[in-house]
């Protein structure tokens, strides 16, 4: 069985801005590093929206799957999926 920190793993993640409350969905091969980049203001897409909280992530076996999942989670159906999946968590944080 492979470790969860397998070097070939990719992640689809959702961050929540503590500044404006909006979500950012992305994918990466190194979740810890990418999360730090977002919080350090080193990502152009989120530079002025930090700091962030990691509210959801999924591990994928390869980049293609992670990017496909990212596209889905950004869609209307994907957003509904996330809100339903995290219903209890969101009610506690809002």
PDB file of N, CA and C in Angstrom:
ATOM      1  N   UNK A   1       0.839  -1.179   0.000  1.00  0.00           N
ATOM      2  CA  UNK A   1       0.000   0.000   0.000  1.00  0.00           C
ATOM      3  C   UNK A   1       0.886   1.244   0.000  1.00  0.00           C
ATOM      4  N   UNK A   2       0.571   2.194  -0.847  1.00  0.00           N
ATOM      5  CA  UNK A   2       1.362   3.415  -0.944  1.00  0.00           C
ATOM      6  C   UNK A   2       0.962   4.413   0.120  1.00  0.00           C
ATOM      7  N   UNK A   3       1.932   5.201   0.521  1.00  0.00           N
ATOM      8  CA  UNK A   3       1.696   6.260   1.502  1.00  0.00           C
ATOM      9  C   UNK A   3       0.823   7.356   0.908  1.00  0.00           C
ATOM     10  N   UNK A   4       0.074   8.050   1.754  1.00  0.00           N
ATOM     11  CA  UNK A   4      -0.741   9.180   1.307  1.00  0.00           C
ATOM     12  C   UNK A   4       0.158  10.273   0.738  1.00  0.00           C
ATOM     13  N   UNK A   5       1.378  10.377   1.206  1.00  0.00           N
ATOM     14  CA  UNK A   5       2.314  11.382   0.712  1.00  0.00           C
ATOM     15  C   UNK A   5       3.144  10.843  -0.440  1.00  0.00           C
ATOM     16  N   UNK A   6       2.564  10.053  -1.252  1.00  0.00           N
ATOM     17  CA  UNK A   6       3.203   9.494  -2.434  1.00  0.00           C
ATOM     18  C   UNK A   6       3.627  10.631  -3.356  1.00  0.00           C
ATOM     19  N   UNK A   7       4.850  10.580  -3.842  1.00  0.00           N
ATOM     20  CA  UNK A   7       5.369  11.664  -4.678  1.00  0.00           C
ATOM     21  C   UNK A   7       4.612  11.798  -5.991  1.00  0.00           C
ATOM     22  N   UNK A   8       3.896  10.774  -6.415  1.00  0.00           N
ATOM     23  CA  UNK A   8       3.139  10.849  -7.651  1.00  0.00           C
ATOM     24  C   UNK A   8       1.722  11.374  -7.466  1.00  0.00           C
ATOM     25  N   UNK A   9       1.351  11.686  -6.241  1.00  0.00           N
ATOM     26  CA  UNK A   9      -0.008  12.133  -5.963  1.00  0.00           C
ATOM     27  C   UNK A   9      -0.213  13.596  -6.335  1.00  0.00           C
ATOM     28  N   UNK A  10      -1.447  13.891  -6.716  1.00  0.00           N
ATOM     29  CA  UNK A  10      -1.869  15.260  -6.994  1.00  0.00           C
ATOM     30  C   UNK A  10      -3.091  15.544  -6.137  1.00  0.00           C
ATOM     31  N   UNK A  11      -3.318  16.807  -5.856  1.00  0.00           N
ATOM     32  CA  UNK A  11      -4.403  17.201  -4.963  1.00  0.00           C
ATOM     33  C   UNK A  11      -5.275  18.265  -5.602  1.00  0.00           C
ATOM     34  N   UNK A  12      -6.558  18.123  -5.409  1.00  0.00           N
ATOM     35  CA  UNK A  12      -7.517  19.167  -5.739  1.00  0.00           C
ATOM     36  C   UNK A  12      -7.927  19.744  -4.394  1.00  0.00           C
ATOM     37  N   UNK A  13      -7.867  21.062  -4.271  1.00  0.00           N
ATOM     38  CA  UNK A  13      -8.099  21.674  -2.962  1.00  0.00           C
ATOM     39  C   UNK A  13      -9.025  22.873  -3.058  1.00  0.00           C
ATOM     40  N   UNK A  14      -9.651  23.164  -1.920  1.00  0.00           N
ATOM     41  CA  UNK A  14     -10.517  24.336  -1.807  1.00  0.00           C
ATOM     42  C   UNK A  14     -10.046  25.128  -0.595  1.00  0.00           C
ATOM     43  N   UNK A  15      -9.756  26.384  -0.832  1.00  0.00           N
ATOM     44  CA  UNK A  15      -9.337  27.295   0.225  1.00  0.00           C
ATOM     45  C   UNK A  15     -10.438  28.309   0.463  1.00  0.00           C
ATOM     46  N   UNK A  16     -10.555  28.765   1.690  1.00  0.00           N
ATOM     47  CA  UNK A  16     -11.514  29.816   2.012  1.00  0.00           C
ATOM     48  C   UNK A  16     -10.740  31.020   2.528  1.00  0.00           C
ATOM     49  N   UNK A  17     -10.978  32.162   1.916  1.00  0.00           N
ATOM     50  CA  UNK A  17     -10.335  33.396   2.336  1.00  0.00           C
ATOM     51  C   UNK A  17     -10.932  33.865   3.650  1.00  0.00           C
ATOM     52  N   UNK A  18     -10.090  34.147   4.626  1.00  0.00           N
ATOM     53  CA  UNK A  18     -10.589  34.697   5.885  1.00  0.00           C
ATOM     54  C   UNK A  18     -10.864  36.193   5.735  1.00  0.00           C
ATOM     55  N   UNK A  19     -10.399  36.764   4.640  1.00  0.00           N
ATOM     56  CA  UNK A  19     -10.602  38.192   4.382  1.00  0.00           C
ATOM     57  C   UNK A  19     -11.973  38.481   3.780  1.00  0.00           C
ATOM     58  N   UNK A  20     -12.339  37.737   2.717  1.00  0.00           N
ATOM     59  CA  UNK A  20     -13.617  38.003   2.044  1.00  0.00           C
ATOM     60  C   UNK A  20     -14.588  36.829   2.082  1.00  0.00           C
ATOM     61  N   UNK A  21     -14.165  35.684   2.633  1.00  0.00           N
ATOM     62  CA  UNK A  21     -15.039  34.524   2.760  1.00  0.00           C
ATOM     63  C   UNK A  21     -15.239  33.726   1.490  1.00  0.00           C
ATOM     64  N   UNK A  22     -14.626  34.158   0.376  1.00  0.00           N
ATOM     65  CA  UNK A  22     -14.798  33.454  -0.894  1.00  0.00           C
ATOM     66  C   UNK A  22     -13.884  32.242  -0.965  1.00  0.00           C
ATOM     67  N   UNK A  23     -14.288  31.311  -1.809  1.00  0.00           N
ATOM     68  CA  UNK A  23     -13.539  30.076  -1.997  1.00  0.00           C
ATOM     69  C   UNK A  23     -12.634  30.174  -3.212  1.00  0.00           C
ATOM     70  N   UNK A  24     -11.507  29.452  -3.140  1.00  0.00           N
ATOM     71  CA  UNK A  24     -10.601  29.295  -4.274  1.00  0.00           C
ATOM     72  C   UNK A  24     -10.401  27.799  -4.455  1.00  0.00           C
ATOM     73  N   UNK A  25     -10.574  27.324  -5.674  1.00  0.00           N
ATOM     74  CA  UNK A  25     -10.386  25.905  -5.981  1.00  0.00           C
ATOM     75  C   UNK A  25      -9.214  25.762  -6.922  1.00  0.00           C
ATOM     76  N   UNK A  26      -8.314  24.837  -6.631  1.00  0.00           N
ATOM     77  CA  UNK A  26      -7.138  24.628  -7.470  1.00  0.00           C
ATOM     78  C   UNK A  26      -6.649  23.200  -7.358  1.00  0.00           C
ATOM     79  N   UNK A  27      -5.545  22.929  -8.048  1.00  0.00           N
ATOM     80  CA  UNK A  27      -4.919  21.609  -7.966  1.00  0.00           C
ATOM     81  C   UNK A  27      -3.406  21.787  -7.963  1.00  0.00           C
ATOM     82  N   UNK A  28      -2.726  20.826  -7.350  1.00  0.00           N
ATOM     83  CA  UNK A  28      -1.281  20.926  -7.191  1.00  0.00           C
ATOM     84  C   UNK A  28      -0.671  19.559  -6.914  1.00  0.00           C
ATOM     85  N   UNK A  29       0.606  19.444  -7.182  1.00  0.00           N
ATOM     86  CA  UNK A  29       1.348  18.235  -6.856  1.00  0.00           C
ATOM     87  C   UNK A  29       1.931  18.284  -5.450  1.00  0.00           C
ATOM     88  N   UNK A  30       1.958  19.462  -4.830  1.00  0.00           N
ATOM     89  CA  UNK A  30       2.507  19.629  -3.482  1.00  0.00           C
ATOM     90  C   UNK A  30       1.570  20.549  -2.692  1.00  0.00           C
ATOM     91  N   UNK A  31       0.639  19.960  -1.989  1.00  0.00           N
ATOM     92  CA  UNK A  31      -0.410  20.719  -1.306  1.00  0.00           C
ATOM     93  C   UNK A  31       0.154  21.646  -0.235  1.00  0.00           C
ATOM     94  N   UNK A  32       1.075  21.170   0.563  1.00  0.00           N
ATOM     95  CA  UNK A  32       1.644  22.010   1.631  1.00  0.00           C
ATOM     96  C   UNK A  32       2.343  23.243   1.057  1.00  0.00           C
ATOM     97  N   UNK A  33       3.149  23.020   0.037  1.00  0.00           N
ATOM     98  CA  UNK A  33       3.874  24.127  -0.592  1.00  0.00           C
ATOM     99  C   UNK A  33       2.909  25.136  -1.221  1.00  0.00           C
ATOM    100  N   UNK A  34       1.903  24.639  -1.931  1.00  0.00           N
ATOM    101  CA  UNK A  34       0.951  25.521  -2.609  1.00  0.00           C
ATOM    102  C   UNK A  34       0.120  26.309  -1.590  1.00  0.00           C
ATOM    103  N   UNK A  35      -0.282  25.670  -0.513  1.00  0.00           N
ATOM    104  CA  UNK A  35      -1.033  26.350   0.538  1.00  0.00           C
ATOM    105  C   UNK A  35      -0.202  27.493   1.119  1.00  0.00           C
ATOM    106  N   UNK A  36       1.068  27.245   1.356  1.00  0.00           N
ATOM    107  CA  UNK A  36       1.969  28.277   1.878  1.00  0.00           C
ATOM    108  C   UNK A  36       2.105  29.421   0.876  1.00  0.00           C
ATOM    109  N   UNK A  37       2.223  29.097  -0.412  1.00  0.00           N
ATOM    110  CA  UNK A  37       2.328  30.140  -1.442  1.00  0.00           C
ATOM    111  C   UNK A  37       1.094  31.043  -1.418  1.00  0.00           C
ATOM    112  N   UNK A  38      -0.069  30.458  -1.305  1.00  0.00           N
ATOM    113  CA  UNK A  38      -1.306  31.257  -1.247  1.00  0.00           C
ATOM    114  C   UNK A  38      -1.293  32.169  -0.021  1.00  0.00           C
ATOM    115  N   UNK A  39      -0.930  31.630   1.118  1.00  0.00           N
ATOM    116  CA  UNK A  39      -0.933  32.426   2.346  1.00  0.00           C
ATOM    117  C   UNK A  39       0.173  33.474   2.383  1.00  0.00           C
ATOM    118  N   UNK A  40       1.248  33.243   1.653  1.00  0.00           N
ATOM    119  CA  UNK A  40       2.350  34.210   1.595  1.00  0.00           C
ATOM    120  C   UNK A  40       2.143  35.258   0.511  1.00  0.00           C
ATOM    121  N   UNK A  41       1.016  35.211  -0.207  1.00  0.00           N
ATOM    122  CA  UNK A  41       0.733  36.180  -1.256  1.00  0.00           C
ATOM    123  C   UNK A  41       1.550  35.971  -2.513  1.00  0.00           C
ATOM    124  N   UNK A  42       2.031  34.763  -2.752  1.00  0.00           N
ATOM    125  CA  UNK A  42       2.880  34.478  -3.914  1.00  0.00           C
ATOM    126  C   UNK A  42       2.115  33.887  -5.090  1.00  0.00           C
ATOM    127  N   UNK A  43       0.804  33.851  -4.999  1.00  0.00           N
ATOM    128  CA  UNK A  43      -0.033  33.375  -6.098  1.00  0.00           C
ATOM    129  C   UNK A  43      -0.818  34.566  -6.641  1.00  0.00           C
ATOM    130  N   UNK A  44      -0.686  34.839  -7.926  1.00  0.00           N
ATOM    131  CA  UNK A  44      -1.356  35.995  -8.518  1.00  0.00           C
ATOM    132  C   UNK A  44      -2.871  35.933  -8.369  1.00  0.00           C
ATOM    133  N   UNK A  45      -3.438  34.746  -8.459  1.00  0.00           N
ATOM    134  CA  UNK A  45      -4.895  34.616  -8.403  1.00  0.00           C
ATOM    135  C   UNK A  45      -5.485  34.882  -7.021  1.00  0.00           C
ATOM    136  N   UNK A  46      -4.671  34.808  -5.985  1.00  0.00           N
ATOM    137  CA  UNK A  46      -5.190  35.009  -4.628  1.00  0.00           C
ATOM    138  C   UNK A  46      -4.359  36.000  -3.819  1.00  0.00           C
ATOM    139  N   UNK A  47      -3.505  36.727  -4.467  1.00  0.00           N
ATOM    140  CA  UNK A  47      -2.518  37.573  -3.796  1.00  0.00           C
ATOM    141  C   UNK A  47      -3.104  38.489  -2.717  1.00  0.00           C
ATOM    142  N   UNK A  48      -4.242  39.110  -2.980  1.00  0.00           N
ATOM    143  CA  UNK A  48      -4.795  40.091  -2.044  1.00  0.00           C
ATOM    144  C   UNK A  48      -5.982  39.555  -1.232  1.00  0.00           C
ATOM    145  N   UNK A  49      -6.189  38.242  -1.264  1.00  0.00           N
ATOM    146  CA  UNK A  49      -7.356  37.674  -0.579  1.00  0.00           C
ATOM    147  C   UNK A  49      -7.006  36.882   0.668  1.00  0.00           C
ATOM    148  N   UNK A  50      -5.734  36.699   0.967  1.00  0.00           N
ATOM    149  CA  UNK A  50      -5.309  35.887   2.091  1.00  0.00           C
ATOM    150  C   UNK A  50      -5.472  36.599   3.414  1.00  0.00           C
ATOM    151  N   UNK A  51      -5.315  35.911   4.496  1.00  0.00           N
ATOM    152  CA  UNK A  51      -4.919  34.507   4.625  1.00  0.00           C
ATOM    153  C   UNK A  51      -6.068  33.539   4.333  1.00  0.00           C
ATOM    154  N   UNK A  52      -5.695  32.284   4.167  1.00  0.00           N
ATOM    155  CA  UNK A  52      -6.635  31.242   3.774  1.00  0.00           C
ATOM    156  C   UNK A  52      -6.687  30.115   4.786  1.00  0.00           C
ATOM    157  N   UNK A  53      -7.813  29.419   4.754  1.00  0.00           N
ATOM    158  CA  UNK A  53      -8.001  28.182   5.502  1.00  0.00           C
ATOM    159  C   UNK A  53      -8.260  27.086   4.486  1.00  0.00           C
ATOM    160  N   UNK A  54      -7.585  25.963   4.636  1.00  0.00           N
ATOM    161  CA  UNK A  54      -7.839  24.808   3.778  1.00  0.00           C
ATOM    162  C   UNK A  54      -9.109  24.149   4.287  1.00  0.00           C
ATOM    163  N   UNK A  55     -10.165  24.154   3.464  1.00  0.00           N
ATOM    164  CA  UNK A  55     -11.434  23.600   3.938  1.00  0.00           C
ATOM    165  C   UNK A  55     -11.757  22.248   3.307  1.00  0.00           C
ATOM    166  N   UNK A  56     -11.065  21.883   2.216  1.00  0.00           N
ATOM    167  CA  UNK A  56     -11.375  20.611   1.558  1.00  0.00           C
ATOM    168  C   UNK A  56     -10.237  20.239   0.616  1.00  0.00           C
ATOM    169  N   UNK A  57      -9.924  18.951   0.544  1.00  0.00           N
ATOM    170  CA  UNK A  57      -8.995  18.482  -0.486  1.00  0.00           C
ATOM    171  C   UNK A  57      -9.270  17.023  -0.805  1.00  0.00           C
ATOM    172  N   UNK A  58      -8.870  16.645  -2.000  1.00  0.00           N
ATOM    173  CA  UNK A  58      -8.957  15.265  -2.452  1.00  0.00           C
ATOM    174  C   UNK A  58      -7.622  14.887  -3.061  1.00  0.00           C
ATOM    175  N   UNK A  59      -7.195  13.668  -2.849  1.00  0.00           N
ATOM    176  CA  UNK A  59      -5.977  13.175  -3.473  1.00  0.00           C
ATOM    177  C   UNK A  59      -6.334  12.437  -4.753  1.00  0.00           C
ATOM    178  N   UNK A  60      -5.574  12.685  -5.787  1.00  0.00           N
ATOM    179  CA  UNK A  60      -5.739  11.990  -7.066  1.00  0.00           C
ATOM    180  C   UNK A  60      -4.429  11.298  -7.409  1.00  0.00           C
ATOM    181  N   UNK A  61      -4.511  10.296  -8.234  1.00  0.00           N
ATOM    182  CA  UNK A  61      -3.315   9.527  -8.587  1.00  0.00           C
ATOM    183  C   UNK A  61      -2.448  10.202  -9.643  1.00  0.00           C
ATOM    184  N   UNK A  62      -3.012  11.179 -10.371  1.00  0.00           N
ATOM    185  CA  UNK A  62      -2.205  11.857 -11.387  1.00  0.00           C
ATOM    186  C   UNK A  62      -2.745  13.257 -11.649  1.00  0.00           C
ATOM    187  N   UNK A  63      -1.969  14.054 -12.370  1.00  0.00           N
ATOM    188  CA  UNK A  63      -2.316  15.441 -12.635  1.00  0.00           C
ATOM    189  C   UNK A  63      -3.598  15.577 -13.452  1.00  0.00           C
ATOM    190  N   UNK A  64      -3.771  14.732 -14.437  1.00  0.00           N
ATOM    191  CA  UNK A  64      -4.957  14.810 -15.292  1.00  0.00           C
ATOM    192  C   UNK A  64      -6.248  14.650 -14.477  1.00  0.00           C
ATOM    193  N   UNK A  65      -6.263  13.673 -13.590  1.00  0.00           N
ATOM    194  CA  UNK A  65      -7.441  13.456 -12.749  1.00  0.00           C
ATOM    195  C   UNK A  65      -7.683  14.639 -11.815  1.00  0.00           C
ATOM    196  N   UNK A  66      -6.621  15.183 -11.240  1.00  0.00           N
ATOM    197  CA  UNK A  66      -6.757  16.323 -10.327  1.00  0.00           C
ATOM    198  C   UNK A  66      -7.296  17.543 -11.065  1.00  0.00           C
ATOM    199  N   UNK A  67      -6.793  17.792 -12.261  1.00  0.00           N
ATOM    200  CA  UNK A  67      -7.262  18.951 -13.035  1.00  0.00           C
ATOM    201  C   UNK A  67      -8.722  18.763 -13.471  1.00  0.00           C
ATOM    202  N   UNK A  68      -9.084  17.553 -13.844  1.00  0.00           N
ATOM    203  CA  UNK A  68     -10.480  17.276 -14.206  1.00  0.00           C
ATOM    204  C   UNK A  68     -11.398  17.491 -13.011  1.00  0.00           C
ATOM    205  N   UNK A  69     -10.954  17.049 -11.858  1.00  0.00           N
ATOM    206  CA  UNK A  69     -11.755  17.227 -10.643  1.00  0.00           C
ATOM    207  C   UNK A  69     -11.869  18.713 -10.280  1.00  0.00           C
ATOM    208  N   UNK A  70     -10.792  19.462 -10.472  1.00  0.00           N
ATOM    209  CA  UNK A  70     -10.808  20.909 -10.232  1.00  0.00           C
ATOM    210  C   UNK A  70     -11.858  21.586 -11.108  1.00  0.00           C
ATOM    211  N   UNK A  71     -11.868  21.245 -12.387  1.00  0.00           N
ATOM    212  CA  UNK A  71     -12.841  21.825 -13.319  1.00  0.00           C
ATOM    213  C   UNK A  71     -14.263  21.496 -12.871  1.00  0.00           C
ATOM    214  N   UNK A  72     -14.480  20.246 -12.470  1.00  0.00           N
ATOM    215  CA  UNK A  72     -15.813  19.857 -11.986  1.00  0.00           C
ATOM    216  C   UNK A  72     -16.217  20.660 -10.744  1.00  0.00           C
ATOM    217  N   UNK A  73     -15.312  20.760  -9.769  1.00  0.00           N
ATOM    218  CA  UNK A  73     -15.655  21.442  -8.520  1.00  0.00           C
ATOM    219  C   UNK A  73     -15.897  22.941  -8.721  1.00  0.00           C
ATOM    220  N   UNK A  74     -15.398  23.492  -9.806  1.00  0.00           N
ATOM    221  CA  UNK A  74     -15.637  24.900 -10.127  1.00  0.00           C
ATOM    222  C   UNK A  74     -16.980  25.104 -10.841  1.00  0.00           C
ATOM    223  N   UNK A  75     -17.585  24.028 -11.313  1.00  0.00           N
ATOM    224  CA  UNK A  75     -18.858  24.115 -12.028  1.00  0.00           C
ATOM    225  C   UNK A  75     -20.011  24.265 -11.029  1.00  0.00           C
ATOM    226  N   UNK A  76     -21.175  24.580 -11.527  1.00  0.00           N
ATOM    227  CA  UNK A  76     -22.356  24.695 -10.668  1.00  0.00           C
ATOM    228  C   UNK A  76     -22.652  23.406  -9.923  1.00  0.00           C
ATOM    229  N   UNK A  77     -22.594  22.287 -10.636  1.00  0.00           N
ATOM    230  CA  UNK A  77     -22.832  20.985  -9.993  1.00  0.00           C
ATOM    231  C   UNK A  77     -21.764  20.696  -8.941  1.00  0.00           C
ATOM    232  N   UNK A  78     -20.514  21.029  -9.249  1.00  0.00           N
ATOM    233  CA  UNK A  78     -19.421  20.798  -8.313  1.00  0.00           C
ATOM    234  C   UNK A  78     -19.554  21.633  -7.051  1.00  0.00           C
ATOM    235  N   UNK A  79     -19.966  22.882  -7.210  1.00  0.00           N
ATOM    236  CA  UNK A  79     -20.166  23.747  -6.043  1.00  0.00           C
ATOM    237  C   UNK A  79     -21.286  23.222  -5.159  1.00  0.00           C
ATOM    238  N   UNK A  80     -22.346  22.732  -5.787  1.00  0.00           N
ATOM    239  CA  UNK A  80     -23.445  22.128  -5.012  1.00  0.00           C
ATOM    240  C   UNK A  80     -22.962  20.882  -4.281  1.00  0.00           C
ATOM    241  N   UNK A  81     -22.151  20.074  -4.977  1.00  0.00           N
ATOM    242  CA  UNK A  81     -21.583  18.877  -4.354  1.00  0.00           C
ATOM    243  C   UNK A  81     -20.794  19.249  -3.101  1.00  0.00           C
ATOM    244  N   UNK A  82     -19.914  20.241  -3.229  1.00  0.00           N
ATOM    245  CA  UNK A  82     -19.086  20.653  -2.091  1.00  0.00           C
ATOM    246  C   UNK A  82     -19.932  21.171  -0.935  1.00  0.00           C
ATOM    247  N   UNK A  83     -20.912  22.006  -1.237  1.00  0.00           N
ATOM    248  CA  UNK A  83     -21.751  22.573  -0.181  1.00  0.00           C
ATOM    249  C   UNK A  83     -22.538  21.483   0.529  1.00  0.00           C
ATOM    250  N   UNK A  84     -23.010  20.501  -0.220  1.00  0.00           N
ATOM    251  CA  UNK A  84     -23.731  19.381   0.383  1.00  0.00           C
ATOM    252  C   UNK A  84     -22.781  18.498   1.191  1.00  0.00           C
ATOM    253  N   UNK A  85     -21.613  18.237   0.645  1.00  0.00           N
ATOM    254  CA  UNK A  85     -20.613  17.384   1.298  1.00  0.00           C
ATOM    255  C   UNK A  85     -20.140  17.979   2.617  1.00  0.00           C
ATOM    256  N   UNK A  86     -20.045  19.303   2.662  1.00  0.00           N
ATOM    257  CA  UNK A  86     -19.510  19.985   3.838  1.00  0.00           C
ATOM    258  C   UNK A  86     -20.596  20.727   4.624  1.00  0.00           C
ATOM    259  N   UNK A  87     -21.822  20.293   4.493  1.00  0.00           N
ATOM    260  CA  UNK A  87     -22.959  20.970   5.104  1.00  0.00           C
ATOM    261  C   UNK A  87     -22.761  21.239   6.600  1.00  0.00           C
ATOM    262  N   UNK A  88     -22.371  20.237   7.355  1.00  0.00           N
ATOM    263  CA  UNK A  88     -22.192  20.408   8.802  1.00  0.00           C
ATOM    264  C   UNK A  88     -21.018  21.335   9.113  1.00  0.00           C
ATOM    265  N   UNK A  89     -19.921  21.155   8.399  1.00  0.00           N
ATOM    266  CA  UNK A  89     -18.748  22.003   8.598  1.00  0.00           C
ATOM    267  C   UNK A  89     -19.080  23.474   8.316  1.00  0.00           C
ATOM    268  N   UNK A  90     -19.773  23.729   7.217  1.00  0.00           N
ATOM    269  CA  UNK A  90     -20.093  25.097   6.853  1.00  0.00           C
ATOM    270  C   UNK A  90     -21.040  25.741   7.851  1.00  0.00           C
ATOM    271  N   UNK A  91     -21.979  24.979   8.390  1.00  0.00           N
ATOM    272  CA  UNK A  91     -22.908  25.553   9.372  1.00  0.00           C
ATOM    273  C   UNK A  91     -22.190  25.923  10.665  1.00  0.00           C
ATOM    274  N   UNK A  92     -21.093  25.263  10.969  1.00  0.00           N
ATOM    275  CA  UNK A  92     -20.318  25.564  12.173  1.00  0.00           C
ATOM    276  C   UNK A  92     -19.429  26.785  11.989  1.00  0.00           C
ATOM    277  N   UNK A  93     -19.020  27.058  10.743  1.00  0.00           N
ATOM    278  CA  UNK A  93     -18.057  28.131  10.491  1.00  0.00           C
ATOM    279  C   UNK A  93     -18.692  29.420  10.010  1.00  0.00           C
ATOM    280  N   UNK A  94     -19.965  29.406   9.658  1.00  0.00           N
ATOM    281  CA  UNK A  94     -20.594  30.621   9.124  1.00  0.00           C
ATOM    282  C   UNK A  94     -21.486  31.276  10.126  1.00  0.00           C
TER     283      UNK A  94
END
